[in-house]
Structure formats: C-alpha cells, structure tokens
Amino acid sequence: MNIGVIGCGTIASATVHGIAQDGHQITVSERSESHAKALAEAYENVSNASNQGVVDSSDVIFLGLMAELAPKILGSLKFREGQRIITFMAGATLDQTDEMVHPACATAIMMPFPGIARGGTPVMMQGDADLVRDIFCTRNSVYSLKSSDEMAAYLCAQAVLSPVARMVSDAAEWLGERGADRVQGEAFLRELVASNLSEIECGPLIEALNAPGGYNQRLRLHMEASGMGEALRAGLKDLE
C-alpha cells in the first residue's frame, strides 16, 4: 500500500518500524523531524514530505496528531475521495475525525502500543477491521470493538499497563537494594509477567498461584487488603 503518516511522534514512529518491512511505500511528515529523518534513513521504502505531500502520495493515512491540534492541521490540507484514514487520536472519535478529513473517509481508529515496533502486541480498534488486519495482523493481534463507547472503555482499561510497569520496576529496585543485579531482576520479572499472562487466563492463573501461605497468595492478599482493587476501580472511574 501507499501509506502516509501525519504526526510522527513516538507511537506513530513505532508503528512505521512495525510495518516498514512489509513492502509498503511509506511517506512520513517531515514536521516530526527527528523521527521522520531516522525512519527515512533506516528504510529505503520510507520517505519524508510536507503534510500535504503525505496526503498527495498516500491512499491510506495514519493520523498521529494530538486531538486538540488536529482541526487546525487537517483543516489546511486537501484530502481526496477514496483515501482511507486510520486515526491514532484518543481524544477524537471516528465520526469527529471523519469530519476533519472530508472528502476522505476516516475508516478506523486504533491505539498502538510501543511494542508494535517489534510485533506481538494487541491492537484495539474500531471501524474497518479488514483494513487494520491487512496492515497489522501479520505480527500482532487485532481486537475489533463495536462502538465509540466500547473504545472509550478500552482506552481507560488499557491504562493498567503503566501501573503494572511501575510495580515491576519497583520490585526490581527492591531486588537491587538487596544486592541483586537490578537489570537482570527487571528482565526476569518482565518475562515472568508477560509469559504467564499471555498463556493463561487471569482467573485460572490466580487460582494456580493461590497455594495457602505461598508467596504469591500472601502478597496478593496484602495488596488487596491495602485497597488495591478499590484504588484501581476508582482510578478507572476517574478516567471514564
């Protein structure tokens, strides 16, 4: 495909890394200078252009803009019929984005994670699932959502990633304070969490780790008694 990227920050840049080896011709907005230049130097099939140059050369366009800046930036561009837009903007619905890119069509909204650069990451999306799967499903799992309300709920729930990373980092720091290699400890804990959660559903995993008096049971009960569950629900409700 001829793919364009407007707003090539960290996440959009990771997305390009994840698909650049799949034979697409990719044009990246040169306004995100550091990322755009690095991508063009890394891949022969990636080039830089102005925002309008990205639009002119692309049939599918990724929007990696901040939602509050999008109306001004997109309003100055001339899209054409038949172009399909995939937006990464969490602050604008698919319908709102569609109005900004007329006469092109905003066909899908998706939220990539940094791991998309390597593959093996979940992609939550709403809209044209076939298009998103065609581009991303070679190395990633696509989770298609039914409505903007469901997308909004998933956007809140995915924020659990940062607290989980914080817990792993803090546990690795705790290991380092006891003379262990902190870097190795963090690598061990990351693999421990990722491998077990990817292979076993949460309910059975909790039960398997529920040996009376075991380390996992004792720490989980301690954290639950400290209000972990209530704090999580309160935080999610606040995001909602």
Protein backbone atom coordinates (compact mmCIF):
# COMPACT_ATOMS: atom_id res chain seq x y z
CA MET A 1 0.00 0.00 0.00
CA ASN A 2 0.92 3.67 -0.30
CA ILE A 3 0.77 4.72 3.35
CA GLY A 4 1.24 8.20 4.78
CA VAL A 5 1.85 9.32 8.35
CA ILE A 6 0.91 12.78 9.63
CA GLY A 7 2.21 13.44 13.11
CA CYS A 8 5.08 11.01 13.56
CA GLY A 9 5.72 11.01 17.30
CA THR A 10 6.92 8.08 19.37
CA ILE A 11 3.89 5.83 18.81
CA ALA A 12 3.46 6.58 15.11
CA SER A 13 7.20 6.07 14.62
CA ALA A 14 6.99 2.68 16.34
CA THR A 15 4.08 1.81 14.04
CA VAL A 16 6.18 2.59 10.96
CA HIS A 17 9.01 0.43 12.27
CA GLY A 18 6.49 -2.39 12.67
CA ILE A 19 5.25 -2.33 9.05
CA ALA A 20 8.23 -0.98 7.08
CA GLN A 21 9.42 -4.49 6.23
CA ASP A 22 6.09 -5.46 4.65
CA GLY A 23 6.61 -3.87 1.23
CA HIS A 24 4.57 -0.70 1.68
CA GLN A 25 5.65 2.67 0.30
CA ILE A 26 5.51 4.95 3.35
CA THR A 27 5.67 8.76 3.40
CA VAL A 28 6.21 10.41 6.77
CA SER A 29 5.52 14.02 7.69
CA GLU A 30 8.81 15.89 7.84
CA ARG A 31 7.46 18.18 10.57
CA SER A 32 8.29 15.43 13.10
CA GLU A 33 11.88 15.96 12.07
CA SER A 34 13.89 13.65 14.32
CA HIS A 35 11.63 10.63 13.91
CA ALA A 36 10.95 11.27 10.22
CA LYS A 37 14.64 11.57 9.36
CA ALA A 38 15.56 8.45 11.32
CA LEU A 39 12.85 6.40 9.61
CA ALA A 40 13.87 7.55 6.13
CA GLU A 41 17.49 6.68 6.88
CA ALA A 42 16.55 3.26 8.23
CA TYR A 43 14.30 2.07 5.38
CA GLU A 44 14.59 2.51 1.62
CA ASN A 45 10.78 2.48 1.25
CA VAL A 46 10.24 5.35 3.73
CA SER A 47 10.49 8.97 2.59
CA ASN A 48 9.74 12.40 4.09
CA ALA A 49 7.39 15.08 2.79
CA SER A 50 5.31 18.02 3.94
CA ASN A 51 1.89 17.26 5.40
CA GLN A 52 0.28 17.99 2.03
CA GLY A 53 2.95 15.88 0.33
CA VAL A 54 1.98 12.99 2.61
CA VAL A 55 -1.67 13.40 1.62
CA ASP A 56 -0.89 13.65 -2.09
CA SER A 57 1.22 10.48 -2.17
CA SER A 58 -0.91 8.20 0.03
CA ASP A 59 -4.01 6.05 -0.26
CA VAL A 60 -4.07 5.13 3.45
CA ILE A 61 -3.07 7.77 6.00
CA PHE A 62 -2.25 7.36 9.69
CA LEU A 63 -3.01 10.33 11.93
CA GLY A 64 -0.71 10.52 14.95
CA LEU A 65 -1.67 14.05 15.93
CA MET A 66 -2.75 15.46 19.27
CA ALA A 67 -6.52 15.75 19.05
CA GLU A 68 -6.52 19.41 20.10
CA LEU A 69 -4.14 20.31 17.26
CA ALA A 70 -5.83 18.20 14.60
CA PRO A 71 -8.56 20.61 13.40
CA LYS A 72 -6.03 23.34 12.54
CA ILE A 73 -3.52 21.00 10.90
CA LEU A 74 -6.01 18.87 8.97
CA GLY A 75 -8.15 21.86 8.02
CA SER A 76 -5.29 23.25 5.92
CA LEU A 77 -4.89 20.02 3.90
CA LYS A 78 -6.68 18.88 0.75
CA PHE A 79 -7.73 15.25 1.00
CA ARG A 80 -9.39 13.36 -1.84
CA GLU A 81 -12.20 10.87 -2.21
CA GLY A 82 -11.18 7.25 -1.83
CA GLN A 83 -8.46 7.91 0.72
CA ARG A 84 -8.82 5.89 3.91
CA ILE A 85 -7.76 7.38 7.22
CA ILE A 86 -6.67 5.40 10.29
CA THR A 87 -6.52 7.67 13.32
CA PHE A 88 -4.45 7.13 16.46
CA MET A 89 -6.04 10.12 18.23
CA ALA A 90 -7.52 9.08 21.57
CA GLY A 91 -9.19 12.46 22.03
CA ALA A 92 -11.33 12.36 18.88
CA THR A 93 -13.95 9.81 17.87
CA LEU A 94 -14.05 8.18 14.47
CA ASP A 95 -17.01 10.37 13.47
CA GLN A 96 -15.23 13.55 14.59
CA THR A 97 -12.13 12.60 12.63
CA ASP A 98 -14.23 11.82 9.56
CA GLU A 99 -15.50 15.40 9.54
CA MET A 100 -11.93 16.73 9.66
CA VAL A 101 -10.67 14.76 6.64
CA HIS A 102 -13.63 15.07 4.23
CA PRO A 103 -13.88 14.05 1.37
CA ALA A 104 -11.53 11.27 2.52
CA CYS A 105 -13.05 8.74 4.91
CA ALA A 106 -11.94 8.03 8.47
CA THR A 107 -12.41 4.27 8.37
CA ALA A 108 -10.74 3.13 11.59
CA ILE A 109 -9.48 4.34 14.93
CA MET A 110 -6.76 2.30 16.63
CA MET A 111 -4.46 2.69 19.61
CA PRO A 112 -0.98 1.24 19.01
CA PHE A 113 1.42 0.47 21.86
CA PRO A 114 5.21 0.90 21.66
CA GLY A 115 5.64 -2.88 21.24
CA ILE A 116 4.09 -2.64 17.75
CA ALA A 117 7.60 -1.79 16.51
CA ARG A 118 8.60 -5.42 17.11
CA GLY A 119 5.19 -7.08 16.80
CA GLY A 120 3.42 -9.40 19.20
CA THR A 121 1.26 -6.65 20.68
CA PRO A 122 -2.52 -6.22 20.90
CA VAL A 123 -4.14 -3.61 18.68
CA MET A 124 -7.52 -2.30 19.81
CA MET A 125 -9.53 -0.70 17.06
CA GLN A 126 -12.98 0.37 15.90
CA GLY A 127 -14.14 0.55 12.30
CA ASP A 128 -12.70 -1.20 9.24
CA ALA A 129 -11.20 -4.29 10.85
CA ASP A 130 -10.26 -5.82 7.49
CA LEU A 131 -8.02 -2.86 6.63
CA VAL A 132 -6.34 -2.86 10.04
CA ARG A 133 -5.80 -6.62 9.87
CA ASP A 134 -4.34 -6.35 6.36
CA ILE A 135 -1.71 -3.92 7.63
CA PHE A 136 -1.00 -5.13 11.16
CA CYS A 137 -2.17 -8.71 11.69
CA THR A 138 0.98 -10.35 10.33
CA ARG A 139 2.74 -9.86 13.66
CA ASN A 140 0.06 -8.51 16.01
CA SER A 141 -3.38 -9.38 17.39
CA VAL A 142 -6.27 -7.11 16.35
CA TYR A 143 -9.15 -6.63 18.78
CA SER A 144 -12.16 -5.16 16.98
CA LEU A 145 -14.54 -3.05 19.11
CA LYS A 146 -18.19 -2.37 18.30
CA SER A 147 -18.68 1.29 19.19
CA SER A 148 -17.09 4.52 20.35
CA ASP A 149 -18.38 3.79 23.88
CA GLU A 150 -16.56 0.46 23.92
CA MET A 151 -13.42 2.13 22.56
CA ALA A 152 -13.64 4.74 25.33
CA ALA A 153 -13.89 1.99 27.97
CA TYR A 154 -10.90 0.12 26.48
CA LEU A 155 -8.90 3.34 26.46
CA CYS A 156 -9.45 3.60 30.20
CA ALA A 157 -8.74 -0.07 30.89
CA GLN A 158 -5.51 -0.16 28.86
CA ALA A 159 -4.06 2.37 31.30
CA VAL A 160 -3.41 -0.59 33.62
CA LEU A 161 -0.18 -1.06 31.64
CA SER A 162 1.60 1.85 33.32
CA PRO A 163 0.81 0.76 36.93
CA VAL A 164 1.88 -2.79 36.10
CA ALA A 165 5.17 -1.48 34.69
CA ARG A 166 5.58 0.65 37.83
CA MET A 167 5.09 -2.41 40.05
CA VAL A 168 7.65 -4.43 38.08
CA SER A 169 10.13 -1.54 38.19
CA ASP A 170 9.64 -1.10 41.94
CA ALA A 171 10.08 -4.84 42.58
CA ALA A 172 13.30 -4.80 40.51
CA GLU A 173 14.50 -1.82 42.55
CA TRP A 174 13.71 -3.79 45.71
CA LEU A 175 15.88 -6.65 44.40
CA GLY A 176 18.71 -4.21 43.69
CA GLU A 177 18.56 -2.90 47.25
CA ARG A 178 19.23 -6.47 48.41
CA GLY A 179 22.37 -6.92 46.34
CA ALA A 180 20.79 -8.46 43.23
CA ASP A 181 21.52 -7.28 39.68
CA ARG A 182 18.68 -4.81 39.14
CA VAL A 183 18.77 -5.06 35.32
CA GLN A 184 18.65 -8.84 35.38
CA GLY A 185 15.92 -8.74 38.02
CA GLU A 186 13.74 -6.46 35.92
CA ALA A 187 14.28 -8.66 32.84
CA PHE A 188 13.24 -11.72 34.85
CA LEU A 189 10.11 -10.03 36.22
CA ARG A 190 9.06 -8.66 32.82
CA GLU A 191 9.35 -12.10 31.25
CA LEU A 192 7.60 -13.70 34.22
CA VAL A 193 4.58 -11.41 33.92
CA ALA A 194 4.40 -11.35 30.11
CA SER A 195 4.77 -15.09 29.57
CA ASN A 196 2.29 -16.19 32.21
CA LEU A 197 -0.40 -13.65 31.38
CA SER A 198 -0.08 -14.38 27.65
CA GLU A 199 -0.63 -18.13 28.13
CA ILE A 200 -3.17 -18.38 30.99
CA GLU A 201 -6.41 -16.51 31.69
CA CYS A 202 -6.31 -14.40 34.83
CA GLY A 203 -8.82 -16.45 36.86
CA PRO A 204 -7.02 -19.80 36.46
CA LEU A 205 -3.64 -18.11 36.94
CA ILE A 206 -4.73 -16.53 40.24
CA GLU A 207 -6.06 -19.91 41.37
CA ALA A 208 -2.84 -21.68 40.36
CA LEU A 209 -0.87 -19.12 42.41
CA ASN A 210 -3.21 -19.40 45.39
CA ALA A 211 -1.32 -22.02 47.39
CA PRO A 212 -2.18 -21.37 51.08
CA GLY A 213 0.65 -19.45 52.69
CA GLY A 214 2.57 -19.15 49.39
CA TYR A 215 4.42 -16.02 48.42
CA ASN A 216 2.01 -15.09 45.63
CA GLN A 217 -1.08 -15.57 47.79
CA ARG A 218 0.39 -13.64 50.70
CA LEU A 219 1.45 -10.64 48.61
CA ARG A 220 -1.86 -10.55 46.71
CA LEU A 221 -3.89 -10.67 49.92
CA HIS A 222 -1.72 -7.96 51.45
CA MET A 223 -2.23 -5.68 48.45
CA GLU A 224 -5.96 -6.40 48.26
CA ALA A 225 -6.29 -5.58 51.96
CA SER A 226 -4.39 -2.35 51.28
CA GLY A 227 -7.10 -1.32 48.83
CA MET A 228 -5.51 -2.28 45.51
CA GLY A 229 -8.81 -3.28 43.89
CA GLU A 230 -10.72 -0.26 45.14
CA ALA A 231 -7.93 2.09 44.03
CA LEU A 232 -7.95 0.53 40.56
CA ARG A 233 -11.70 0.87 40.14
CA ALA A 234 -11.65 4.44 41.45
CA GLY A 235 -8.87 5.34 39.03
CA LEU A 236 -10.69 3.79 36.08
CA LYS A 237 -13.88 5.60 37.00
CA ASP A 238 -11.96 8.86 37.18
CA LEU A 239 -10.54 8.26 33.69
CA GLU A 240 -14.03 7.45 32.44
